[in-house]
Amino acid sequence: MKPVAFDYIRAESTDEVLQLLEEYGDDARILAGGQSLMAALNMRLTTPRVLIDISRVKQLSTMRVSGGWLTLGAAVTQNAVEMIVRGQSTVPLLAQAFPHLGHFQTRNRGTVCGSIAHADPSAELPLCLATLGGKVQLRSRRRKRSLTAEQFFQGVLTTAREPDELIESVKFPLAAEKTRYGFVEVSMRHGDFALVALAAAVSGDEVRLGVGGVADRPWVETLPLSSAEDLKTALQELGWKLNAQNDQHASARYRRHLVSTLGAKLVARLQD
């Protein structure tokens, strides 16, 4: 299939983007890397009147580390971030997740904010943002606001962003002291969306565990690490709590099994 006809505008500034979003609202879509949007256009899952290309807006192409956060503008590509976090201790969870995220070619075009905006519950970047307690910075001509990942993700491909708002940036907290981070996933093929993905941050006697690919959004639980048996029980309960569903890729039973077994292995690895 081919997309329906639309107008294309290459924005030159953030102010221009915000003015266009105010004018077109629900009839506009933001084009950054286009890795998710172009497929949706071709399948006519979305039929906007106008595409607003932000890929050359310099104000939205910045990365900075300050105040305990890694802040990424809306036009920053995934590969650019991967080069920054690889081999460093800034955001180690991201460094571990990036190799699972599509392929080098798609990461070279796809943006971090674009993945967050798409809000696929099986995607790696929304899971990392939720697990780490990151923030989404939204901006319109009316206001600016900052939402936690929990506030922002509302369901499958559904977020709290309003039609005239731009995801101006996302913020990942830097690694905390005495905390170990880990990421693991199972997919049909390398680069596919995860059947189940797990992200973990182990600190002291508890683990903050994020689960992707099971619920309708990234799910995060804090579990005690009092004993291996208690953790096993907690993971089994979590698997049922997420209300896994059968689909063409995997059964609900298999997804619950992965949450329990992968979760236990991941935590054990981080405790060694």
Protein backbone atom coordinates (compact mmCIF):
# COMPACT_ATOMS: atom_id res chain seq x y z
CA MET A 1 0.00 0.00 0.00
CA LYS A 2 0.95 3.63 -0.31
CA PRO A 3 0.21 6.49 2.08
CA VAL A 4 -2.58 8.96 1.41
CA ALA A 5 -1.48 12.34 0.09
CA PHE A 6 -0.01 14.74 2.65
CA ASP A 7 1.89 18.00 2.79
CA TYR A 8 5.53 17.97 3.87
CA ILE A 9 7.12 20.81 5.82
CA ARG A 10 10.78 20.81 6.85
CA ALA A 11 10.93 22.92 9.99
CA GLU A 12 13.87 25.21 10.67
CA SER A 13 13.26 25.98 14.34
CA THR A 14 11.44 24.73 17.42
CA ASP A 15 9.16 27.76 17.33
CA GLU A 16 8.09 26.85 13.79
CA VAL A 17 7.33 23.28 14.89
CA LEU A 18 5.17 24.51 17.77
CA GLN A 19 3.32 26.96 15.53
CA LEU A 20 2.54 24.19 13.03
CA LEU A 21 1.36 21.83 15.77
CA GLU A 22 -0.93 24.55 17.10
CA GLU A 23 -2.31 25.09 13.60
CA TYR A 24 -2.80 21.47 12.52
CA GLY A 25 -3.20 19.60 15.81
CA ASP A 26 -4.33 15.99 15.25
CA ASP A 27 -3.85 16.41 11.49
CA ALA A 28 -0.07 16.71 11.91
CA ARG A 29 2.61 14.11 12.57
CA ILE A 30 6.21 14.72 13.61
CA LEU A 31 8.83 13.13 11.34
CA ALA A 32 12.26 12.64 12.91
CA GLY A 33 13.79 9.29 11.96
CA GLY A 34 10.61 7.86 10.47
CA GLN A 35 11.38 4.24 11.36
CA SER A 36 7.92 3.66 12.84
CA LEU A 37 6.00 6.46 11.17
CA MET A 38 6.77 5.53 7.56
CA ALA A 39 5.50 1.98 8.06
CA ALA A 40 2.33 3.30 9.67
CA LEU A 41 1.82 5.72 6.77
CA ASN A 42 2.28 3.01 4.16
CA MET A 43 -0.24 0.76 5.91
CA ARG A 44 -2.58 3.74 6.33
CA LEU A 45 -2.72 3.27 10.08
CA THR A 46 -2.29 7.03 10.25
CA THR A 47 -3.46 9.55 7.65
CA PRO A 48 -2.12 13.02 8.53
CA ARG A 49 -2.63 16.12 6.43
CA VAL A 50 0.92 17.28 7.08
CA LEU A 51 4.28 15.84 8.11
CA ILE A 52 6.55 18.17 10.08
CA ASP A 53 10.17 17.16 9.57
CA ILE A 54 12.29 18.12 12.60
CA SER A 55 15.44 16.24 11.64
CA ARG A 56 17.39 19.43 10.82
CA VAL A 57 16.27 21.55 13.75
CA LYS A 58 19.54 22.25 15.56
CA GLN A 59 17.83 23.10 18.88
CA LEU A 60 16.36 19.58 18.94
CA SER A 61 19.62 17.80 18.07
CA THR A 62 21.45 18.37 21.33
CA MET A 63 22.67 15.95 23.99
CA ARG A 64 23.87 17.09 27.38
CA VAL A 65 24.84 15.63 30.74
CA SER A 66 24.07 17.90 33.68
CA GLY A 67 22.41 17.84 37.06
CA GLY A 68 22.42 14.06 37.20
CA TRP A 69 20.57 13.60 33.91
CA LEU A 70 21.32 12.68 30.31
CA THR A 71 19.01 14.90 28.24
CA LEU A 72 18.34 13.98 24.61
CA GLY A 73 16.64 16.30 22.13
CA ALA A 74 13.83 15.15 19.87
CA ALA A 75 16.04 14.81 16.78
CA VAL A 76 18.93 12.91 18.40
CA THR A 77 19.45 9.54 16.71
CA GLN A 78 19.77 6.28 18.57
CA ASN A 79 23.26 5.59 17.19
CA ALA A 80 24.48 8.99 18.40
CA VAL A 81 23.39 8.11 21.93
CA GLU A 82 24.79 4.59 21.68
CA MET A 83 28.21 6.01 20.85
CA ILE A 84 28.04 8.19 23.96
CA VAL A 85 26.93 5.55 26.47
CA ARG A 86 28.92 2.59 25.12
CA GLY A 87 31.81 1.76 27.41
CA GLN A 88 30.92 4.56 29.82
CA SER A 89 29.21 4.57 33.19
CA THR A 90 26.74 7.37 32.44
CA VAL A 91 23.61 5.28 31.71
CA PRO A 92 24.76 1.64 31.67
CA LEU A 93 21.24 0.27 31.20
CA LEU A 94 20.98 2.07 27.85
CA ALA A 95 24.38 0.73 26.80
CA GLN A 96 23.15 -2.82 27.40
CA ALA A 97 19.79 -2.28 25.69
CA PHE A 98 20.95 -0.66 22.45
CA PRO A 99 22.37 -3.82 20.81
CA HIS A 100 18.86 -5.34 21.01
CA LEU A 101 17.24 -2.31 19.42
CA GLY A 102 16.64 -3.05 15.74
CA HIS A 103 19.80 -2.97 13.62
CA PHE A 104 22.65 -0.52 13.06
CA GLN A 105 20.92 0.84 9.94
CA THR A 106 17.65 1.56 11.74
CA ARG A 107 19.42 3.03 14.77
CA ASN A 108 21.29 5.34 12.42
CA ARG A 109 17.98 6.95 11.42
CA GLY A 110 15.65 6.27 14.33
CA THR A 111 15.53 8.72 17.22
CA VAL A 112 15.28 8.06 20.93
CA CYS A 113 12.34 10.44 21.35
CA GLY A 114 10.63 8.85 18.34
CA SER A 115 10.66 5.45 20.03
CA ILE A 116 9.32 6.99 23.23
CA ALA A 117 6.58 8.79 21.26
CA HIS A 118 5.57 5.57 19.45
CA ALA A 119 5.08 3.85 22.83
CA ASP A 120 5.25 0.26 21.66
CA PRO A 121 5.05 -1.86 24.84
CA SER A 122 7.66 -4.27 23.42
CA ALA A 123 10.21 -1.56 22.60
CA GLU A 124 13.45 -1.30 24.54
CA LEU A 125 13.78 2.46 25.02
CA PRO A 126 10.38 3.03 26.67
CA LEU A 127 11.23 0.14 29.00
CA CYS A 128 14.57 1.69 29.96
CA LEU A 129 12.97 5.09 30.52
CA ALA A 130 10.32 3.60 32.82
CA THR A 131 12.74 1.38 34.74
CA LEU A 132 15.15 4.23 35.42
CA GLY A 133 12.43 6.69 36.36
CA GLY A 134 13.11 8.98 33.41
CA LYS A 135 11.12 12.01 32.28
CA VAL A 136 9.49 13.27 29.09
CA GLN A 137 9.68 17.00 28.42
CA LEU A 138 6.63 18.25 26.49
CA ARG A 139 6.28 21.70 24.98
CA SER A 140 3.57 23.61 23.14
CA ARG A 141 2.95 27.30 22.54
CA ARG A 142 0.69 27.20 25.61
CA ARG A 143 3.03 25.62 28.14
CA LYS A 144 5.90 23.35 29.05
CA ARG A 145 5.45 20.29 31.22
CA SER A 146 7.48 17.36 32.46
CA LEU A 147 5.94 13.90 32.89
CA THR A 148 7.34 10.77 34.43
CA ALA A 149 7.37 7.67 32.25
CA GLU A 150 4.52 6.28 34.36
CA GLN A 151 2.42 9.36 33.60
CA PHE A 152 3.38 9.48 29.93
CA PHE A 153 2.74 5.88 28.79
CA GLN A 154 -0.99 5.14 28.88
CA GLY A 155 -1.43 2.00 26.78
CA VAL A 156 -0.51 0.36 23.48
CA LEU A 157 0.78 3.16 21.21
CA THR A 158 -0.98 5.63 23.52
CA THR A 159 0.59 8.48 25.46
CA ALA A 160 -0.36 11.59 27.40
CA ARG A 161 0.97 13.90 24.67
CA GLU A 162 -1.66 16.36 23.46
CA PRO A 163 -2.09 17.17 19.74
CA ASP A 164 -0.32 20.53 19.91
CA GLU A 165 2.60 19.24 22.01
CA LEU A 166 6.09 18.30 20.92
CA ILE A 167 8.24 15.83 22.83
CA GLU A 168 11.08 18.33 23.09
CA SER A 169 13.42 15.95 24.94
CA VAL A 170 13.65 12.93 27.21
CA LYS A 171 15.78 12.66 30.35
CA PHE A 172 17.49 9.54 31.67
CA PRO A 173 18.96 9.67 35.19
CA LEU A 174 22.68 8.92 35.38
CA ALA A 175 23.87 5.76 37.08
CA ALA A 176 23.41 5.76 40.84
CA GLU A 177 26.17 4.75 43.22
CA LYS A 178 26.17 1.15 44.47
CA THR A 179 23.58 0.17 41.83
CA ARG A 180 24.05 -2.49 39.18
CA TYR A 181 22.07 -2.50 35.96
CA GLY A 182 21.13 -5.27 33.56
CA PHE A 183 19.05 -5.89 30.46
CA VAL A 184 17.92 -9.08 28.74
CA GLU A 185 15.28 -10.00 26.17
CA VAL A 186 13.94 -12.85 24.09
CA SER A 187 12.80 -12.19 20.52
CA MET A 188 12.02 -14.30 17.46
CA ARG A 189 15.08 -12.91 15.65
CA HIS A 190 17.76 -10.42 16.56
CA GLY A 191 16.39 -6.94 16.00
CA ASP A 192 12.73 -7.94 16.31
CA PHE A 193 10.55 -6.51 19.04
CA ALA A 194 10.86 -8.49 22.24
CA LEU A 195 8.51 -11.28 23.25
CA VAL A 196 9.63 -10.37 26.76
CA ALA A 197 12.28 -7.83 27.79
CA LEU A 198 13.54 -7.22 31.30
CA ALA A 199 15.49 -4.27 32.64
CA ALA A 200 16.79 -4.25 36.21
CA ALA A 201 18.48 -1.97 38.71
CA VAL A 202 19.73 -3.78 41.80
CA SER A 203 20.54 -1.69 44.86
CA GLY A 204 20.95 -2.97 48.40
CA ASP A 205 18.24 -5.49 49.24
CA GLU A 206 15.82 -4.69 46.42
CA VAL A 207 15.55 -4.71 42.64
CA ARG A 208 13.62 -2.28 40.46
CA LEU A 209 12.48 -4.55 37.62
CA GLY A 210 10.94 -3.35 34.37
CA VAL A 211 9.04 -5.73 32.07
CA GLY A 212 8.32 -5.08 28.39
CA GLY A 213 6.32 -7.09 25.85
CA VAL A 214 3.73 -8.43 28.29
CA ALA A 215 1.45 -5.64 29.54
CA ASP A 216 0.05 -2.80 27.42
CA ARG A 217 2.91 -0.53 28.52
CA PRO A 218 6.28 -0.87 30.25
CA TRP A 219 5.63 -2.22 33.74
CA VAL A 220 7.93 -1.55 36.70
CA GLU A 221 7.90 -3.27 40.10
CA THR A 222 10.22 -3.00 43.09
CA LEU A 223 10.86 -6.46 44.50
CA PRO A 224 12.66 -7.49 47.72
CA LEU A 225 15.85 -9.56 47.57
CA SER A 226 15.53 -11.19 50.97
CA SER A 227 15.98 -14.69 49.51
CA ALA A 228 16.06 -16.51 46.19
CA GLU A 229 12.84 -18.31 47.06
CA ASP A 230 11.02 -15.07 47.90
CA LEU A 231 12.22 -13.54 44.63
CA LYS A 232 11.02 -16.57 42.68
CA THR A 233 7.58 -16.26 44.25
CA ALA A 234 7.45 -12.52 43.59
CA LEU A 235 8.39 -13.03 39.93
CA GLN A 236 5.72 -15.67 39.47
CA GLU A 237 3.12 -13.36 40.97
CA LEU A 238 4.33 -10.54 38.73
CA GLY A 239 3.94 -12.75 35.65
CA TRP A 240 0.27 -13.28 36.47
CA LYS A 241 -0.28 -9.66 37.48
CA LEU A 242 0.73 -8.43 34.00
CA ASN A 243 -2.22 -10.25 32.39
CA ALA A 244 -0.22 -11.72 29.50
CA GLN A 245 -2.14 -12.56 26.33
CA ASN A 246 -1.79 -15.22 23.65
CA ASP A 247 -0.84 -13.97 20.19
CA GLN A 248 0.74 -15.28 16.99
CA HIS A 249 4.23 -14.94 18.46
CA ALA A 250 3.93 -16.53 21.90
CA SER A 251 1.47 -17.87 24.42
CA ALA A 252 0.60 -16.12 27.66
CA ARG A 253 2.02 -19.10 29.54
CA TYR A 254 5.37 -18.77 27.78
CA ARG A 255 5.55 -15.05 28.53
CA ARG A 256 4.85 -15.68 32.22
CA HIS A 257 7.57 -18.35 32.20
CA LEU A 258 10.05 -15.89 30.67
CA VAL A 259 9.28 -13.22 33.26
CA SER A 260 9.98 -15.69 36.05
CA THR A 261 13.05 -17.48 34.68
CA LEU A 262 14.76 -14.55 32.95
CA GLY A 263 14.06 -12.29 35.91
CA ALA A 264 15.69 -14.72 38.34
CA LYS A 265 18.75 -15.17 36.10
CA LEU A 266 19.16 -11.45 35.53
CA VAL A 267 18.98 -10.59 39.21
CA ALA A 268 21.36 -13.42 40.11
CA ARG A 269 23.86 -12.10 37.57
CA LEU A 270 23.68 -8.60 39.01
CA GLN A 271 24.17 -9.88 42.54
CA ASP A 272 27.34 -11.86 41.73
